[in-house]
PDB file of all heavy atoms in Angstrom:
ATOM      1  N   SER A   1      32.933  67.960  43.140  1.00  0.00           N
ATOM      2  CA  SER A   1      32.259  69.298  42.945  1.00  0.00           C
ATOM      3  C   SER A   1      33.218  70.404  42.212  1.00  0.00           C
ATOM      4  O   SER A   1      32.852  71.003  41.382  1.00  0.00           O
ATOM      5  CB  SER A   1      31.873  69.936  44.221  1.00  0.00           C
ATOM      6  OG  SER A   1      30.871  69.084  44.842  1.00  0.00           O
ATOM      7  N   LYS A   2      34.406  70.603  42.824  1.00  0.00           N
ATOM      8  CA  LYS A   2      35.213  71.621  42.361  1.00  0.00           C
ATOM      9  C   LYS A   2      36.047  71.130  41.090  1.00  0.00           C
ATOM     10  O   LYS A   2      36.086  72.054  40.201  1.00  0.00           O
ATOM     11  CB  LYS A   2      36.279  72.060  43.484  1.00  0.00           C
ATOM     12  CG  LYS A   2      35.558  72.137  44.861  1.00  0.00           C
ATOM     13  CD  LYS A   2      34.576  73.307  44.864  1.00  0.00           C
ATOM     14  CE  LYS A   2      34.050  73.316  46.317  1.00  0.00           C
ATOM     15  NZ  LYS A   2      33.009  74.508  46.578  1.00  0.00           N
ATOM     16  N   ALA A   3      36.699  70.029  41.133  1.00  0.00           N
ATOM     17  CA  ALA A   3      37.588  69.644  39.981  1.00  0.00           C
ATOM     18  C   ALA A   3      36.800  69.594  38.684  1.00  0.00           C
ATOM     19  O   ALA A   3      37.248  69.795  37.555  1.00  0.00           O
ATOM     20  CB  ALA A   3      38.272  68.438  40.351  1.00  0.00           C
ATOM     21  N   TYR A   4      35.522  68.944  38.681  1.00  0.00           N
ATOM     22  CA  TYR A   4      34.738  68.617  37.551  1.00  0.00           C
ATOM     23  C   TYR A   4      33.677  69.583  37.267  1.00  0.00           C
ATOM     24  O   TYR A   4      32.809  69.218  36.532  1.00  0.00           O
ATOM     25  CB  TYR A   4      34.276  67.169  37.590  1.00  0.00           C
ATOM     26  CG  TYR A   4      35.506  66.179  37.648  1.00  0.00           C
ATOM     27  CD1 TYR A   4      35.941  65.690  38.778  1.00  0.00           C
ATOM     28  CD2 TYR A   4      36.079  65.847  36.537  1.00  0.00           C
ATOM     29  CE1 TYR A   4      37.049  64.824  38.926  1.00  0.00           C
ATOM     30  CE2 TYR A   4      37.237  64.951  36.551  1.00  0.00           C
ATOM     31  CZ  TYR A   4      37.636  64.477  37.746  1.00  0.00           C
ATOM     32  OH  TYR A   4      38.641  63.552  37.873  1.00  0.00           O
ATOM     33  N   ALA A   5      33.603  70.767  38.179  1.00  0.00           N
ATOM     34  CA  ALA A   5      32.451  71.625  38.037  1.00  0.00           C
ATOM     35  C   ALA A   5      31.078  70.905  38.253  1.00  0.00           C
ATOM     36  O   ALA A   5      30.170  71.089  37.335  1.00  0.00           O
ATOM     37  CB  ALA A   5      32.494  72.423  36.755  1.00  0.00           C
ATOM     38  N   MET A   6      30.920  70.126  39.357  1.00  0.00           N
ATOM     39  CA  MET A   6      29.754  69.314  39.462  1.00  0.00           C
ATOM     40  C   MET A   6      29.171  69.580  40.905  1.00  0.00           C
ATOM     41  O   MET A   6      28.642  68.720  41.568  1.00  0.00           O
ATOM     42  CB  MET A   6      30.188  67.878  39.366  1.00  0.00           C
ATOM     43  CG  MET A   6      30.512  67.368  38.030  1.00  0.00           C
ATOM     44  SD  MET A   6      31.188  65.603  37.985  1.00  0.00           S
ATOM     45  CE  MET A   6      29.531  64.844  38.360  1.00  0.00           C
ATOM     46  N   THR A   7      29.134  70.887  41.315  1.00  0.00           N
ATOM     47  CA  THR A   7      28.579  71.259  42.605  1.00  0.00           C
ATOM     48  C   THR A   7      27.190  70.680  42.780  1.00  0.00           C
ATOM     49  O   THR A   7      26.835  70.250  43.876  1.00  0.00           O
ATOM     50  CB  THR A   7      28.645  72.732  42.799  1.00  0.00           C
ATOM     51  OG1 THR A   7      28.066  73.402  41.746  1.00  0.00           O
ATOM     52  CG2 THR A   7      30.084  73.200  42.981  1.00  0.00           C
ATOM     53  N   GLY A   8      26.407  70.868  41.734  1.00  0.00           N
ATOM     54  CA  GLY A   8      24.920  70.505  41.999  1.00  0.00           C
ATOM     55  C   GLY A   8      24.665  69.090  41.810  1.00  0.00           C
ATOM     56  O   GLY A   8      23.458  68.671  42.118  1.00  0.00           O
ATOM     57  N   TRP A   9      25.516  68.212  41.412  1.00  0.00           N
ATOM     58  CA  TRP A   9      25.333  66.848  41.412  1.00  0.00           C
ATOM     59  C   TRP A   9      25.469  66.068  42.676  1.00  0.00           C
ATOM     60  O   TRP A   9      24.941  64.969  42.903  1.00  0.00           O
ATOM     61  CB  TRP A   9      26.480  66.169  40.484  1.00  0.00           C
ATOM     62  CG  TRP A   9      26.410  66.502  38.999  1.00  0.00           C
ATOM     63  CD1 TRP A   9      26.839  67.710  38.523  1.00  0.00           C
ATOM     64  CD2 TRP A   9      25.773  65.887  37.978  1.00  0.00           C
ATOM     65  NE1 TRP A   9      26.670  67.686  37.118  1.00  0.00           N
ATOM     66  CE2 TRP A   9      26.004  66.545  36.759  1.00  0.00           C
ATOM     67  CE3 TRP A   9      25.096  64.639  37.815  1.00  0.00           C
ATOM     68  CZ2 TRP A   9      25.570  66.186  35.571  1.00  0.00           C
ATOM     69  CZ3 TRP A   9      24.776  64.165  36.550  1.00  0.00           C
ATOM     70  CH2 TRP A   9      24.922  64.904  35.440  1.00  0.00           C
ATOM     71  N   ARG A  10      25.924  66.924  43.691  1.00  0.00           N
ATOM     72  CA  ARG A  10      25.990  66.398  45.143  1.00  0.00           C
ATOM     73  C   ARG A  10      26.610  65.200  45.255  1.00  0.00           C
ATOM     74  O   ARG A  10      26.003  64.103  45.610  1.00  0.00           O
ATOM     75  CB  ARG A  10      24.573  66.495  45.757  1.00  0.00           C
ATOM     76  CG  ARG A  10      23.923  67.845  45.680  1.00  0.00           C
ATOM     77  CD  ARG A  10      24.729  69.090  46.059  1.00  0.00           C
ATOM     78  NE  ARG A  10      25.329  69.039  47.370  1.00  0.00           N
ATOM     79  CZ  ARG A  10      26.496  69.332  47.555  1.00  0.00           C
ATOM     80  NH1 ARG A  10      27.393  69.656  46.597  1.00  0.00           N
ATOM     81  NH2 ARG A  10      26.912  69.169  48.823  1.00  0.00           N
ATOM     82  N   LEU A  11      27.918  64.963  45.044  1.00  0.00           N
ATOM     83  CA  LEU A  11      28.602  63.697  45.231  1.00  0.00           C
ATOM     84  C   LEU A  11      30.035  63.973  45.808  1.00  0.00           C
ATOM     85  O   LEU A  11      30.788  64.700  45.233  1.00  0.00           O
ATOM     86  CB  LEU A  11      28.758  62.945  43.893  1.00  0.00           C
ATOM     87  CG  LEU A  11      29.161  61.515  44.104  1.00  0.00           C
ATOM     88  CD1 LEU A  11      28.278  60.428  43.490  1.00  0.00           C
ATOM     89  CD2 LEU A  11      30.706  61.378  43.749  1.00  0.00           C
ATOM     90  N   GLY A  12      30.220  63.405  46.961  1.00  0.00           N
ATOM     91  CA  GLY A  12      31.544  63.499  47.585  1.00  0.00           C
ATOM     92  C   GLY A  12      31.928  62.060  48.152  1.00  0.00           C
ATOM     93  O   GLY A  12      31.033  61.112  48.090  1.00  0.00           O
ATOM     94  N   TRP A  13      32.998  61.884  48.774  1.00  0.00           N
ATOM     95  CA  TRP A  13      33.435  60.662  49.283  1.00  0.00           C
ATOM     96  C   TRP A  13      34.432  60.675  50.412  1.00  0.00           C
ATOM     97  O   TRP A  13      35.091  61.806  50.465  1.00  0.00           O
ATOM     98  CB  TRP A  13      33.866  59.642  48.117  1.00  0.00           C
ATOM     99  CG  TRP A  13      34.975  60.292  47.287  1.00  0.00           C
ATOM    100  CD1 TRP A  13      34.750  60.799  45.990  1.00  0.00           C
ATOM    101  CD2 TRP A  13      36.383  60.319  47.509  1.00  0.00           C
ATOM    102  NE1 TRP A  13      35.918  61.168  45.540  1.00  0.00           N
ATOM    103  CE2 TRP A  13      36.961  60.868  46.354  1.00  0.00           C
ATOM    104  CE3 TRP A  13      37.268  59.851  48.473  1.00  0.00           C
ATOM    105  CZ2 TRP A  13      38.311  61.009  46.253  1.00  0.00           C
ATOM    106  CZ3 TRP A  13      38.674  60.000  48.328  1.00  0.00           C
ATOM    107  CH2 TRP A  13      39.124  60.567  47.198  1.00  0.00           C
ATOM    108  N   VAL A  14      34.578  59.749  51.174  1.00  0.00           N
ATOM    109  CA  VAL A  14      35.539  59.594  52.191  1.00  0.00           C
ATOM    110  C   VAL A  14      36.293  58.340  52.075  1.00  0.00           C
ATOM    111  O   VAL A  14      35.711  57.241  51.776  1.00  0.00           O
ATOM    112  CB  VAL A  14      34.933  59.636  53.600  1.00  0.00           C
ATOM    113  CG1 VAL A  14      35.960  59.607  54.774  1.00  0.00           C
ATOM    114  CG2 VAL A  14      33.955  60.736  53.782  1.00  0.00           C
ATOM    115  N   ALA A  15      37.699  58.427  52.145  1.00  0.00           N
ATOM    116  CA  ALA A  15      38.552  57.253  52.235  1.00  0.00           C
ATOM    117  C   ALA A  15      39.122  57.284  53.509  1.00  0.00           C
ATOM    118  O   ALA A  15      39.828  58.291  54.047  1.00  0.00           O
ATOM    119  CB  ALA A  15      39.602  57.293  51.112  1.00  0.00           C
ATOM    120  N   ALA A  16      39.034  56.134  54.329  1.00  0.00           N
ATOM    121  CA  ALA A  16      39.619  56.034  55.747  1.00  0.00           C
ATOM    122  C   ALA A  16      39.732  54.564  56.121  1.00  0.00           C
ATOM    123  O   ALA A  16      39.361  53.714  55.382  1.00  0.00           O
ATOM    124  CB  ALA A  16      38.505  56.711  56.547  1.00  0.00           C
ATOM    125  N   PRO A  17      40.308  54.422  57.198  1.00  0.00           N
ATOM    126  CA  PRO A  17      40.339  52.925  57.673  1.00  0.00           C
ATOM    127  C   PRO A  17      38.900  52.356  57.738  1.00  0.00           C
ATOM    128  O   PRO A  17      37.888  53.026  58.067  1.00  0.00           O
ATOM    129  CB  PRO A  17      40.889  53.159  59.226  1.00  0.00           C
ATOM    130  CG  PRO A  17      41.700  54.335  59.096  1.00  0.00           C
ATOM    131  CD  PRO A  17      40.953  55.281  58.258  1.00  0.00           C
ATOM    132  N   GLU A  18      38.916  50.994  57.491  1.00  0.00           N
ATOM    133  CA  GLU A  18      37.631  50.350  57.269  1.00  0.00           C
ATOM    134  C   GLU A  18      36.688  50.427  58.419  1.00  0.00           C
ATOM    135  O   GLU A  18      35.484  50.543  58.236  1.00  0.00           O
ATOM    136  CB  GLU A  18      37.906  48.938  56.935  1.00  0.00           C
ATOM    137  CG  GLU A  18      36.713  48.195  56.340  1.00  0.00           C
ATOM    138  CD  GLU A  18      37.037  46.877  55.797  1.00  0.00           C
ATOM    139  OE1 GLU A  18      38.122  46.528  55.387  1.00  0.00           O
ATOM    140  OE2 GLU A  18      36.011  46.048  55.580  1.00  0.00           O
ATOM    141  N   TRP A  19      37.260  50.373  59.683  1.00  0.00           N
ATOM    142  CA  TRP A  19      36.272  50.472  60.915  1.00  0.00           C
ATOM    143  C   TRP A  19      35.639  51.892  60.815  1.00  0.00           C
ATOM    144  O   TRP A  19      34.446  52.011  61.223  1.00  0.00           O
ATOM    145  CB  TRP A  19      37.073  50.239  62.123  1.00  0.00           C
ATOM    146  CG  TRP A  19      38.076  51.255  62.560  1.00  0.00           C
ATOM    147  CD1 TRP A  19      39.443  51.244  62.150  1.00  0.00           C
ATOM    148  CD2 TRP A  19      37.991  52.435  63.435  1.00  0.00           C
ATOM    149  NE1 TRP A  19      40.104  52.321  62.701  1.00  0.00           N
ATOM    150  CE2 TRP A  19      39.137  53.016  63.501  1.00  0.00           C
ATOM    151  CE3 TRP A  19      36.919  52.939  64.026  1.00  0.00           C
ATOM    152  CZ2 TRP A  19      39.467  54.145  64.283  1.00  0.00           C
ATOM    153  CZ3 TRP A  19      37.073  54.052  64.909  1.00  0.00           C
ATOM    154  CH2 TRP A  19      38.430  54.665  65.006  1.00  0.00           C
ATOM    155  N   ILE A  20      36.225  52.994  60.369  1.00  0.00           N
ATOM    156  CA  ILE A  20      35.537  54.289  60.430  1.00  0.00           C
ATOM    157  C   ILE A  20      34.528  54.232  59.226  1.00  0.00           C
ATOM    158  O   ILE A  20      33.486  54.843  59.370  1.00  0.00           O
ATOM    159  CB  ILE A  20      36.685  55.372  60.132  1.00  0.00           C
ATOM    160  CG1 ILE A  20      37.679  55.437  61.284  1.00  0.00           C
ATOM    161  CG2 ILE A  20      35.933  56.708  59.917  1.00  0.00           C
ATOM    162  CD1 ILE A  20      38.766  56.393  61.221  1.00  0.00           C
ATOM    163  N   ILE A  21      35.001  53.698  58.123  1.00  0.00           N
ATOM    164  CA  ILE A  21      33.939  53.641  57.080  1.00  0.00           C
ATOM    165  C   ILE A  21      32.735  52.861  57.313  1.00  0.00           C
ATOM    166  O   ILE A  21      31.595  53.344  57.052  1.00  0.00           O
ATOM    167  CB  ILE A  21      34.619  53.070  55.678  1.00  0.00           C
ATOM    168  CG1 ILE A  21      35.773  53.980  55.242  1.00  0.00           C
ATOM    169  CG2 ILE A  21      33.712  52.761  54.645  1.00  0.00           C
ATOM    170  CD1 ILE A  21      35.433  55.398  54.777  1.00  0.00           C
ATOM    171  N   LYS A  22      32.930  51.836  58.047  1.00  0.00           N
ATOM    172  CA  LYS A  22      31.730  51.128  58.691  1.00  0.00           C
ATOM    173  C   LYS A  22      30.855  51.940  59.515  1.00  0.00           C
ATOM    174  O   LYS A  22      29.660  51.860  59.443  1.00  0.00           O
ATOM    175  CB  LYS A  22      32.131  49.783  59.305  1.00  0.00           C
ATOM    176  CG  LYS A  22      32.788  48.729  58.410  1.00  0.00           C
ATOM    177  CD  LYS A  22      33.190  47.349  59.250  1.00  0.00           C
ATOM    178  CE  LYS A  22      33.446  46.358  58.302  1.00  0.00           C
ATOM    179  NZ  LYS A  22      33.984  45.206  58.973  1.00  0.00           N
ATOM    180  N   GLY A  23      31.512  52.725  60.334  1.00  0.00           N
ATOM    181  CA  GLY A  23      30.672  53.569  61.129  1.00  0.00           C
ATOM    182  C   GLY A  23      29.954  54.574  60.358  1.00  0.00           C
ATOM    183  O   GLY A  23      28.789  55.019  60.650  1.00  0.00           O
ATOM    184  N   ILE A  24      30.615  55.326  59.399  1.00  0.00           N
ATOM    185  CA  ILE A  24      30.005  56.242  58.581  1.00  0.00           C
ATOM    186  C   ILE A  24      28.867  55.663  57.755  1.00  0.00           C
ATOM    187  O   ILE A  24      27.705  56.164  57.545  1.00  0.00           O
ATOM    188  CB  ILE A  24      30.954  56.928  57.658  1.00  0.00           C
ATOM    189  CG1 ILE A  24      32.015  57.730  58.376  1.00  0.00           C
ATOM    190  CG2 ILE A  24      30.342  57.776  56.539  1.00  0.00           C
ATOM    191  CD1 ILE A  24      33.212  58.264  57.558  1.00  0.00           C
ATOM    192  N   ASN A  25      29.035  54.320  57.372  1.00  0.00           N
ATOM    193  CA  ASN A  25      28.045  53.532  56.550  1.00  0.00           C
ATOM    194  C   ASN A  25      26.785  53.434  57.454  1.00  0.00           C
ATOM    195  O   ASN A  25      25.625  53.586  57.022  1.00  0.00           O
ATOM    196  CB  ASN A  25      28.575  52.239  56.126  1.00  0.00           C
ATOM    197  CG  ASN A  25      27.622  51.549  55.220  1.00  0.00           C
ATOM    198  OD1 ASN A  25      27.271  52.016  54.131  1.00  0.00           O
ATOM    199  ND2 ASN A  25      27.213  50.384  55.521  1.00  0.00           N
ATOM    200  N   LYS A  26      26.908  53.075  58.726  1.00  0.00           N
ATOM    201  CA  LYS A  26      25.788  52.934  59.631  1.00  0.00           C
ATOM    202  C   LYS A  26      25.062  54.239  59.836  1.00  0.00           C
ATOM    203  O   LYS A  26      23.880  54.335  59.656  1.00  0.00           O
ATOM    204  CB  LYS A  26      26.345  52.604  61.064  1.00  0.00           C
ATOM    205  CG  LYS A  26      25.287  52.188  62.006  1.00  0.00           C
ATOM    206  CD  LYS A  26      25.838  52.161  63.435  1.00  0.00           C
ATOM    207  CE  LYS A  26      26.702  50.941  63.849  1.00  0.00           C
ATOM    208  NZ  LYS A  26      26.994  50.846  65.242  1.00  0.00           N
ATOM    209  N   LEU A  27      25.823  55.420  59.985  1.00  0.00           N
ATOM    210  CA  LEU A  27      25.211  56.733  60.178  1.00  0.00           C
ATOM    211  C   LEU A  27      24.421  57.030  58.958  1.00  0.00           C
ATOM    212  O   LEU A  27      23.339  57.452  58.931  1.00  0.00           O
ATOM    213  CB  LEU A  27      26.356  57.712  60.367  1.00  0.00           C
ATOM    214  CG  LEU A  27      26.045  59.239  60.686  1.00  0.00           C
ATOM    215  CD1 LEU A  27      25.283  59.270  61.833  1.00  0.00           C
ATOM    216  CD2 LEU A  27      27.370  60.048  60.746  1.00  0.00           C
ATOM    217  N   GLN A  28      25.077  56.892  57.694  1.00  0.00           N
ATOM    218  CA  GLN A  28      24.507  57.355  56.472  1.00  0.00           C
ATOM    219  C   GLN A  28      23.266  56.388  56.226  1.00  0.00           C
ATOM    220  O   GLN A  28      22.230  56.919  55.645  1.00  0.00           O
ATOM    221  CB  GLN A  28      25.502  57.147  55.363  1.00  0.00           C
ATOM    222  CG  GLN A  28      25.055  57.804  54.056  1.00  0.00           C
ATOM    223  CD  GLN A  28      26.370  58.004  53.048  1.00  0.00           C
ATOM    224  OE1 GLN A  28      27.245  58.851  53.479  1.00  0.00           O
ATOM    225  NE2 GLN A  28      26.417  57.346  52.090  1.00  0.00           N
ATOM    226  N   GLY A  29      23.231  55.203  56.576  1.00  0.00           N
ATOM    227  CA  GLY A  29      22.117  54.333  56.361  1.00  0.00           C
ATOM    228  C   GLY A  29      20.895  54.759  57.131  1.00  0.00           C
ATOM    229  O   GLY A  29      19.839  54.477  56.669  1.00  0.00           O
ATOM    230  N   GLN A  30      21.093  55.429  58.077  1.00  0.00           N
ATOM    231  CA  GLN A  30      19.919  55.966  58.945  1.00  0.00           C
ATOM    232  C   GLN A  30      19.457  57.335  58.590  1.00  0.00           C
ATOM    233  O   GLN A  30      18.269  57.567  58.816  1.00  0.00           O
ATOM    234  CB  GLN A  30      20.367  56.016  60.492  1.00  0.00           C
ATOM    235  CG  GLN A  30      20.678  54.751  61.100  1.00  0.00           C
ATOM    236  CD  GLN A  30      19.303  53.832  61.271  1.00  0.00           C
ATOM    237  OE1 GLN A  30      18.339  54.171  60.731  1.00  0.00           O
ATOM    238  NE2 GLN A  30      19.463  52.681  61.784  1.00  0.00           N
TER     239      GLN A  30
END
C-alpha cells in the first residue's frame, strides 16, 4: 500500500512461524 502507492489494490501479507501462518490460513479460509 504505502511503498508502491497501492492502497486501493488491497494487498498485504504476514511472514511468521509456519504454525501461525497455518492458523491464519484457517481463519482467512472461513
